[in-house]
Amino acid sequence: MKPHLLLLHGAIGASFQLKAIAAALSEHYTIHLYDFPGHAGQPLPDGPFSIQFFAASIADYIRSHQLEHLTIFGASMGGYVALHLAATQPLLVDSIITLGTKFHWDPVTALKESKMLQPAVMVEKVPAFANALEKMHAPNDWKVVVEKTADMMIAMGEQNPLQADDFKNIGIPVLLLLGDRDRMVSFEETIQVYKLLPDAGFGVLPHTPHPAELVNAQLLAAIILNHQSSPKPVAG
């Protein structure tokens, strides 16, 4: 039986954006494409979005589907949620790969990121993107999804859900990947987390911007498979 691979999309995104990655890895894994609550038509929660809430939803999915020998690939926010799950419920996941995950959150960063999530401005400045979000999250109101996400970012800026000690206590293998043209996530913040994790790898994807749907899926799959099959160094 093939090991399980759970793919997690980014903020205000949907699992269909990861279908090319799923297809590139389907020969080697049993694939699970997951949409976070409120996204892609999933029931919209009454309460706020939060990393903790999304991690709990993932934990419920893993338990209900009895997933064992599980690897999680998380794009952007999906990677952050996966690492939070590993930090708080370490028995549920065997390894994690993140792509373009933002780790540095403070009030200034949160304000900058959340300013890009104003529905009225998005309709005016990027109407095609707003229209795509409307279709993506129907029958939910895409504006509510965006507003809840902005509020979550502000809360992360006030109190980053993952602190240095949390990363130090994640004992499973983690591969941190970053596109060389990612304008949202810095090399510095990624390397900082890489140094904190006990069992981590780090890689840069060439000619790759932030959106996961723009990644070279075959290249990403090759990197992931190489990481998963690489022998562990022997201490001594």
C-alpha atoms as a PDB file:
ATOM      1  CA  MET A   1       0.000   0.000   0.000  1.00  0.00           C
ATOM      2  CA  LYS A   2       1.284   3.442  -0.932  1.00  0.00           C
ATOM      3  CA  PRO A   3       1.924   5.988   1.837  1.00  0.00           C
ATOM      4  CA  HIS A   4      -0.549   8.831   2.177  1.00  0.00           C
ATOM      5  CA  LEU A   5       0.116  12.394   1.014  1.00  0.00           C
ATOM      6  CA  LEU A   6      -2.166  15.183   2.216  1.00  0.00           C
ATOM      7  CA  LEU A   7      -1.957  18.413   0.199  1.00  0.00           C
ATOM      8  CA  LEU A   8      -2.871  21.704   1.880  1.00  0.00           C
ATOM      9  CA  HIS A   9      -3.496  24.897  -0.066  1.00  0.00           C
ATOM     10  CA  GLY A  10      -2.651  28.459   0.910  1.00  0.00           C
ATOM     11  CA  ALA A  11      -4.718  31.329   2.307  1.00  0.00           C
ATOM     12  CA  ILE A  12      -7.877  32.206   0.302  1.00  0.00           C
ATOM     13  CA  GLY A  13      -6.970  29.309  -1.998  1.00  0.00           C
ATOM     14  CA  ALA A  14      -8.399  25.892  -2.853  1.00  0.00           C
ATOM     15  CA  SER A  15      -7.146  22.365  -3.284  1.00  0.00           C
ATOM     16  CA  PHE A  16      -7.666  22.334  -7.059  1.00  0.00           C
ATOM     17  CA  GLN A  17      -4.663  24.671  -7.314  1.00  0.00           C
ATOM     18  CA  LEU A  18      -2.500  21.715  -6.246  1.00  0.00           C
ATOM     19  CA  LYS A  19      -3.857  19.194  -8.750  1.00  0.00           C
ATOM     20  CA  ALA A  20      -0.764  19.317 -10.964  1.00  0.00           C
ATOM     21  CA  ILE A  21       1.419  18.565  -7.938  1.00  0.00           C
ATOM     22  CA  ALA A  22      -0.952  15.768  -6.924  1.00  0.00           C
ATOM     23  CA  ALA A  23      -0.792  14.243 -10.404  1.00  0.00           C
ATOM     24  CA  ALA A  24       3.008  14.357 -10.419  1.00  0.00           C
ATOM     25  CA  LEU A  25       3.137  12.414  -7.143  1.00  0.00           C
ATOM     26  CA  SER A  26       0.143  10.107  -7.554  1.00  0.00           C
ATOM     27  CA  GLU A  27       2.270   7.143  -8.651  1.00  0.00           C
ATOM     28  CA  HIS A  28       4.073   7.176  -5.323  1.00  0.00           C
ATOM     29  CA  TYR A  29       1.370   8.243  -2.853  1.00  0.00           C
ATOM     30  CA  THR A  30      -2.302   7.872  -2.080  1.00  0.00           C
ATOM     31  CA  ILE A  31      -3.285  11.498  -2.601  1.00  0.00           C
ATOM     32  CA  HIS A  32      -5.643  13.528  -0.409  1.00  0.00           C
ATOM     33  CA  LEU A  33      -6.653  16.992  -1.609  1.00  0.00           C
ATOM     34  CA  TYR A  34      -8.146  18.978   1.252  1.00  0.00           C
ATOM     35  CA  ASP A  35     -10.039  22.266   1.338  1.00  0.00           C
ATOM     36  CA  PHE A  36      -9.882  24.224   4.590  1.00  0.00           C
ATOM     37  CA  PRO A  37     -13.197  25.168   6.261  1.00  0.00           C
ATOM     38  CA  GLY A  38     -14.865  28.054   4.443  1.00  0.00           C
ATOM     39  CA  HIS A  39     -12.768  27.531   1.315  1.00  0.00           C
ATOM     40  CA  ALA A  40     -13.935  26.171  -2.048  1.00  0.00           C
ATOM     41  CA  GLY A  41     -17.511  25.884  -0.842  1.00  0.00           C
ATOM     42  CA  GLN A  42     -16.749  24.093   2.415  1.00  0.00           C
ATOM     43  CA  PRO A  43     -19.029  25.165   5.304  1.00  0.00           C
ATOM     44  CA  LEU A  44     -18.056  28.608   6.542  1.00  0.00           C
ATOM     45  CA  PRO A  45     -17.452  28.596  10.314  1.00  0.00           C
ATOM     46  CA  ASP A  46     -19.227  31.111  12.518  1.00  0.00           C
ATOM     47  CA  GLY A  47     -16.027  31.860  14.396  1.00  0.00           C
ATOM     48  CA  PRO A  48     -12.776  33.358  13.174  1.00  0.00           C
ATOM     49  CA  PHE A  49     -10.173  31.704  11.015  1.00  0.00           C
ATOM     50  CA  SER A  50      -7.005  30.761  12.869  1.00  0.00           C
ATOM     51  CA  ILE A  51      -4.009  28.492  12.433  1.00  0.00           C
ATOM     52  CA  GLN A  52      -5.152  26.553  15.492  1.00  0.00           C
ATOM     53  CA  PHE A  53      -8.643  26.073  14.035  1.00  0.00           C
ATOM     54  CA  PHE A  54      -7.299  24.898  10.689  1.00  0.00           C
ATOM     55  CA  ALA A  55      -4.835  22.507  12.384  1.00  0.00           C
ATOM     56  CA  ALA A  56      -7.700  21.027  14.393  1.00  0.00           C
ATOM     57  CA  SER A  57      -9.694  20.524  11.193  1.00  0.00           C
ATOM     58  CA  ILE A  58      -6.748  18.686   9.647  1.00  0.00           C
ATOM     59  CA  ALA A  59      -6.408  16.501  12.742  1.00  0.00           C
ATOM     60  CA  ASP A  60     -10.089  15.568  12.465  1.00  0.00           C
ATOM     61  CA  TYR A  61      -9.616  14.658   8.800  1.00  0.00           C
ATOM     62  CA  ILE A  62      -6.568  12.487   9.545  1.00  0.00           C
ATOM     63  CA  ARG A  63      -8.347  10.627  12.332  1.00  0.00           C
ATOM     64  CA  SER A  64     -11.618  10.172  10.464  1.00  0.00           C
ATOM     65  CA  HIS A  65      -9.804   8.744   7.442  1.00  0.00           C
ATOM     66  CA  GLN A  66      -7.398   6.738   9.630  1.00  0.00           C
ATOM     67  CA  LEU A  67      -4.369   8.014   7.746  1.00  0.00           C
ATOM     68  CA  GLU A  68      -1.097   6.381   8.695  1.00  0.00           C
ATOM     69  CA  HIS A  69       2.411   6.801   7.250  1.00  0.00           C
ATOM     70  CA  LEU A  70       1.336  10.323   6.386  1.00  0.00           C
ATOM     71  CA  THR A  71       3.315  13.042   4.639  1.00  0.00           C
ATOM     72  CA  ILE A  72       1.824  16.527   4.413  1.00  0.00           C
ATOM     73  CA  PHE A  73       2.670  18.991   1.670  1.00  0.00           C
ATOM     74  CA  GLY A  74       1.610  22.504   2.569  1.00  0.00           C
ATOM     75  CA  ALA A  75       1.732  25.496   0.242  1.00  0.00           C
ATOM     76  CA  SER A  76       2.091  28.880   1.962  1.00  0.00           C
ATOM     77  CA  MET A  77      -0.407  28.908   4.861  1.00  0.00           C
ATOM     78  CA  GLY A  78      -0.905  25.164   4.402  1.00  0.00           C
ATOM     79  CA  GLY A  79       2.706  24.602   5.410  1.00  0.00           C
ATOM     80  CA  TYR A  80       2.293  26.704   8.528  1.00  0.00           C
ATOM     81  CA  VAL A  81      -0.816  24.735   9.510  1.00  0.00           C
ATOM     82  CA  ALA A  82       1.029  21.444   8.954  1.00  0.00           C
ATOM     83  CA  LEU A  83       3.912  22.512  11.190  1.00  0.00           C
ATOM     84  CA  HIS A  84       1.498  23.681  13.879  1.00  0.00           C
ATOM     85  CA  LEU A  85      -0.127  20.251  13.746  1.00  0.00           C
ATOM     86  CA  ALA A  86       3.277  18.571  14.095  1.00  0.00           C
ATOM     87  CA  ALA A  87       4.146  20.811  17.044  1.00  0.00           C
ATOM     88  CA  THR A  88       0.907  20.132  18.911  1.00  0.00           C
ATOM     89  CA  GLN A  89      -0.085  16.614  17.796  1.00  0.00           C
ATOM     90  CA  PRO A  90       3.169  14.972  16.696  1.00  0.00           C
ATOM     91  CA  LEU A  91       1.790  11.445  16.353  1.00  0.00           C
ATOM     92  CA  LEU A  92      -0.484  12.367  13.443  1.00  0.00           C
ATOM     93  CA  VAL A  93       2.133  13.097  10.770  1.00  0.00           C
ATOM     94  CA  ASP A  94       5.397  11.430   9.735  1.00  0.00           C
ATOM     95  CA  SER A  95       6.962  14.140   7.572  1.00  0.00           C
ATOM     96  CA  ILE A  96       6.208  17.588   6.159  1.00  0.00           C
ATOM     97  CA  ILE A  97       7.138  19.532   3.037  1.00  0.00           C
ATOM     98  CA  THR A  98       6.369  23.251   2.876  1.00  0.00           C
ATOM     99  CA  LEU A  99       6.538  25.596  -0.097  1.00  0.00           C
ATOM    100  CA  GLY A 100       6.593  29.377   0.268  1.00  0.00           C
ATOM    101  CA  THR A 101       5.468  29.370   3.898  1.00  0.00           C
ATOM    102  CA  LYS A 102       5.727  32.690   5.718  1.00  0.00           C
ATOM    103  CA  PHE A 103       7.098  32.269   9.228  1.00  0.00           C
ATOM    104  CA  HIS A 104       7.847  35.826  10.306  1.00  0.00           C
ATOM    105  CA  TRP A 105       4.761  37.537  11.706  1.00  0.00           C
ATOM    106  CA  ASP A 106       4.706  40.767  13.679  1.00  0.00           C
ATOM    107  CA  PRO A 107       2.281  43.722  13.679  1.00  0.00           C
ATOM    108  CA  VAL A 108       4.025  45.491  10.799  1.00  0.00           C
ATOM    109  CA  THR A 109       4.174  42.370   8.622  1.00  0.00           C
ATOM    110  CA  ALA A 110       0.575  41.448   9.401  1.00  0.00           C
ATOM    111  CA  LEU A 111      -0.679  44.918   8.543  1.00  0.00           C
ATOM    112  CA  LYS A 112       1.197  44.882   5.239  1.00  0.00           C
ATOM    113  CA  GLU A 113      -0.174  41.480   4.235  1.00  0.00           C
ATOM    114  CA  SER A 114      -3.726  42.145   5.412  1.00  0.00           C
ATOM    115  CA  LYS A 115      -3.891  45.426   3.449  1.00  0.00           C
ATOM    116  CA  MET A 116      -3.803  43.330   0.294  1.00  0.00           C
ATOM    117  CA  LEU A 117      -6.939  41.525   1.465  1.00  0.00           C
ATOM    118  CA  GLN A 118      -9.536  44.289   1.226  1.00  0.00           C
ATOM    119  CA  PRO A 119     -12.446  43.070  -0.936  1.00  0.00           C
ATOM    120  CA  ALA A 120     -13.500  46.520  -2.160  1.00  0.00           C
ATOM    121  CA  VAL A 121      -9.958  47.345  -3.238  1.00  0.00           C
ATOM    122  CA  MET A 122      -9.551  43.925  -4.856  1.00  0.00           C
ATOM    123  CA  VAL A 123     -12.720  44.415  -6.902  1.00  0.00           C
ATOM    124  CA  GLU A 124     -11.404  47.778  -8.102  1.00  0.00           C
ATOM    125  CA  LYS A 125      -7.728  46.946  -8.640  1.00  0.00           C
ATOM    126  CA  VAL A 126      -7.756  43.227  -9.568  1.00  0.00           C
ATOM    127  CA  PRO A 127     -11.292  42.467 -10.778  1.00  0.00           C
ATOM    128  CA  ALA A 128     -10.271  39.257 -12.569  1.00  0.00           C
ATOM    129  CA  PHE A 129      -8.791  37.887  -9.342  1.00  0.00           C
ATOM    130  CA  ALA A 130     -11.887  38.934  -7.389  1.00  0.00           C
ATOM    131  CA  ASN A 131     -14.073  37.163  -9.939  1.00  0.00           C
ATOM    132  CA  ALA A 132     -11.944  34.026  -9.668  1.00  0.00           C
ATOM    133  CA  LEU A 133     -12.304  34.081  -5.876  1.00  0.00           C
ATOM    134  CA  GLU A 134     -16.061  34.452  -6.190  1.00  0.00           C
ATOM    135  CA  LYS A 135     -16.234  31.309  -8.322  1.00  0.00           C
ATOM    136  CA  MET A 136     -13.668  29.452  -6.208  1.00  0.00           C
ATOM    137  CA  HIS A 137     -15.487  29.846  -2.889  1.00  0.00           C
ATOM    138  CA  ALA A 138     -19.121  29.685  -4.032  1.00  0.00           C
ATOM    139  CA  PRO A 139     -21.680  29.313  -2.562  1.00  0.00           C
ATOM    140  CA  ASN A 140     -19.833  31.109   0.233  1.00  0.00           C
ATOM    141  CA  ASP A 141     -19.313  34.861   0.008  1.00  0.00           C
ATOM    142  CA  TRP A 142     -15.689  35.219  -1.102  1.00  0.00           C
ATOM    143  CA  LYS A 143     -15.508  38.584   0.640  1.00  0.00           C
ATOM    144  CA  VAL A 144     -16.135  36.920   4.002  1.00  0.00           C
ATOM    145  CA  VAL A 145     -13.360  34.405   3.302  1.00  0.00           C
ATOM    146  CA  VAL A 146     -10.965  37.246   2.494  1.00  0.00           C
ATOM    147  CA  GLU A 147     -11.983  39.321   5.529  1.00  0.00           C
ATOM    148  CA  LYS A 148     -11.627  36.371   7.905  1.00  0.00           C
ATOM    149  CA  THR A 149      -8.191  35.670   6.457  1.00  0.00           C
ATOM    150  CA  ALA A 150      -7.112  39.293   6.953  1.00  0.00           C
ATOM    151  CA  ASP A 151      -8.306  39.154  10.561  1.00  0.00           C
ATOM    152  CA  MET A 152      -6.339  35.937  11.071  1.00  0.00           C
ATOM    153  CA  MET A 153      -3.180  37.622   9.798  1.00  0.00           C
ATOM    154  CA  ILE A 154      -3.638  40.531  12.195  1.00  0.00           C
ATOM    155  CA  ALA A 155      -4.006  38.050  15.053  1.00  0.00           C
ATOM    156  CA  MET A 156      -0.838  36.237  13.923  1.00  0.00           C
ATOM    157  CA  GLY A 157       0.988  39.539  13.977  1.00  0.00           C
ATOM    158  CA  GLU A 158      -0.053  40.099  17.569  1.00  0.00           C
ATOM    159  CA  GLN A 159       0.918  36.569  18.645  1.00  0.00           C
ATOM    160  CA  ASN A 160       2.776  34.298  16.250  1.00  0.00           C
ATOM    161  CA  PRO A 161       1.219  30.817  16.728  1.00  0.00           C
ATOM    162  CA  LEU A 162       4.605  29.121  16.277  1.00  0.00           C
ATOM    163  CA  GLN A 163       7.521  30.245  18.416  1.00  0.00           C
ATOM    164  CA  ALA A 164      11.179  29.177  18.329  1.00  0.00           C
ATOM    165  CA  ASP A 165      10.680  26.459  20.951  1.00  0.00           C
ATOM    166  CA  ASP A 166       7.807  25.000  18.942  1.00  0.00           C
ATOM    167  CA  PHE A 167      10.052  24.500  15.936  1.00  0.00           C
ATOM    168  CA  LYS A 168      12.790  23.004  18.108  1.00  0.00           C
ATOM    169  CA  ASN A 169      10.340  20.362  19.355  1.00  0.00           C
ATOM    170  CA  ILE A 170       9.225  19.186  15.902  1.00  0.00           C
ATOM    171  CA  GLY A 171      11.152  15.934  15.622  1.00  0.00           C
ATOM    172  CA  ILE A 172       9.884  14.641  12.273  1.00  0.00           C
ATOM    173  CA  PRO A 173      11.651  15.269   8.950  1.00  0.00           C
ATOM    174  CA  VAL A 174      10.719  18.627   7.435  1.00  0.00           C
ATOM    175  CA  LEU A 175      11.675  19.964   4.007  1.00  0.00           C
ATOM    176  CA  LEU A 176      11.350  23.734   3.607  1.00  0.00           C
ATOM    177  CA  LEU A 177      11.109  24.867  -0.012  1.00  0.00           C
ATOM    178  CA  LEU A 178      11.092  28.401  -1.362  1.00  0.00           C
ATOM    179  CA  GLY A 179      10.759  29.832  -4.836  1.00  0.00           C
ATOM    180  CA  ASP A 180      13.603  32.113  -5.869  1.00  0.00           C
ATOM    181  CA  ARG A 181      11.061  34.712  -7.075  1.00  0.00           C
ATOM    182  CA  ASP A 182       8.788  34.593  -4.031  1.00  0.00           C
ATOM    183  CA  ARG A 183       8.012  38.184  -3.057  1.00  0.00           C
ATOM    184  CA  MET A 184       6.088  37.299   0.087  1.00  0.00           C
ATOM    185  CA  VAL A 185       8.524  34.999   1.883  1.00  0.00           C
ATOM    186  CA  SER A 186      12.168  35.822   2.539  1.00  0.00           C
ATOM    187  CA  PHE A 187      15.178  33.527   2.496  1.00  0.00           C
ATOM    188  CA  GLU A 188      16.113  34.878   5.927  1.00  0.00           C
ATOM    189  CA  GLU A 189      12.924  33.834   7.710  1.00  0.00           C
ATOM    190  CA  THR A 190      12.976  30.417   6.030  1.00  0.00           C
ATOM    191  CA  ILE A 191      16.615  29.763   6.941  1.00  0.00           C
ATOM    192  CA  GLN A 192      15.932  30.863  10.519  1.00  0.00           C
ATOM    193  CA  VAL A 193      13.265  28.175  10.883  1.00  0.00           C
ATOM    194  CA  TYR A 194      15.441  25.653   9.047  1.00  0.00           C
ATOM    195  CA  LYS A 195      18.128  26.138  11.698  1.00  0.00           C
ATOM    196  CA  LEU A 196      15.606  25.637  14.509  1.00  0.00           C
ATOM    197  CA  LEU A 197      14.149  22.371  13.228  1.00  0.00           C
ATOM    198  CA  PRO A 198      16.023  19.258  14.445  1.00  0.00           C
ATOM    199  CA  ASP A 199      15.591  17.289  11.199  1.00  0.00           C
ATOM    200  CA  ALA A 200      15.232  19.737   8.327  1.00  0.00           C
ATOM    201  CA  GLY A 201      16.191  20.175   4.703  1.00  0.00           C
ATOM    202  CA  PHE A 202      16.058  23.363   2.668  1.00  0.00           C
ATOM    203  CA  GLY A 203      15.726  23.874  -1.056  1.00  0.00           C
ATOM    204  CA  VAL A 204      15.219  26.682  -3.562  1.00  0.00           C
ATOM    205  CA  LEU A 205      13.128  26.222  -6.703  1.00  0.00           C
ATOM    206  CA  PRO A 206      14.440  28.212  -9.703  1.00  0.00           C
ATOM    207  CA  HIS A 207      12.200  30.560 -11.687  1.00  0.00           C
ATOM    208  CA  THR A 208       9.418  30.073  -9.113  1.00  0.00           C
ATOM    209  CA  PRO A 209       7.115  32.791  -7.723  1.00  0.00           C
ATOM    210  CA  HIS A 210       4.890  32.448  -4.658  1.00  0.00           C
ATOM    211  CA  PRO A 211       1.645  30.945  -6.081  1.00  0.00           C
ATOM    212  CA  ALA A 212       1.789  27.150  -5.808  1.00  0.00           C
ATOM    213  CA  GLU A 213      -0.155  26.673  -9.032  1.00  0.00           C
ATOM    214  CA  LEU A 214       2.780  28.246 -10.912  1.00  0.00           C
ATOM    215  CA  VAL A 215       5.389  25.811  -9.613  1.00  0.00           C
ATOM    216  CA  ASN A 216       7.030  23.277 -11.925  1.00  0.00           C
ATOM    217  CA  ALA A 217       5.167  20.240 -10.618  1.00  0.00           C
ATOM    218  CA  GLN A 218       7.604  17.692 -12.054  1.00  0.00           C
ATOM    219  CA  LEU A 219      10.595  19.453 -10.500  1.00  0.00           C
ATOM    220  CA  LEU A 220       8.830  19.742  -7.162  1.00  0.00           C
ATOM    221  CA  ALA A 221       7.860  16.065  -7.246  1.00  0.00           C
ATOM    222  CA  ALA A 222      11.448  15.035  -7.983  1.00  0.00           C
ATOM    223  CA  ILE A 223      12.732  17.095  -5.037  1.00  0.00           C
ATOM    224  CA  ILE A 224      10.116  15.659  -2.691  1.00  0.00           C
ATOM    225  CA  LEU A 225      10.796  12.072  -3.734  1.00  0.00           C
ATOM    226  CA  ASN A 226      14.545  12.570  -3.403  1.00  0.00           C
ATOM    227  CA  HIS A 227      14.070  14.032   0.076  1.00  0.00           C
ATOM    228  CA  GLN A 228      11.800  11.180   1.151  1.00  0.00           C
ATOM    229  CA  SER A 229      14.227   8.514  -0.069  1.00  0.00           C
ATOM    230  CA  SER A 230      17.476  10.132   1.088  1.00  0.00           C
ATOM    231  CA  PRO A 231      19.320   8.098   3.741  1.00  0.00           C
ATOM    232  CA  LYS A 232      19.624   9.744   7.127  1.00  0.00           C
ATOM    233  CA  PRO A 233      23.155  10.654   8.269  1.00  0.00           C
ATOM    234  CA  VAL A 234      24.603   8.456  10.963  1.00  0.00           C
ATOM    235  CA  ALA A 235      25.752  10.313  14.063  1.00  0.00           C
ATOM    236  CA  GLY A 236      29.259   9.662  15.228  1.00  0.00           C
END
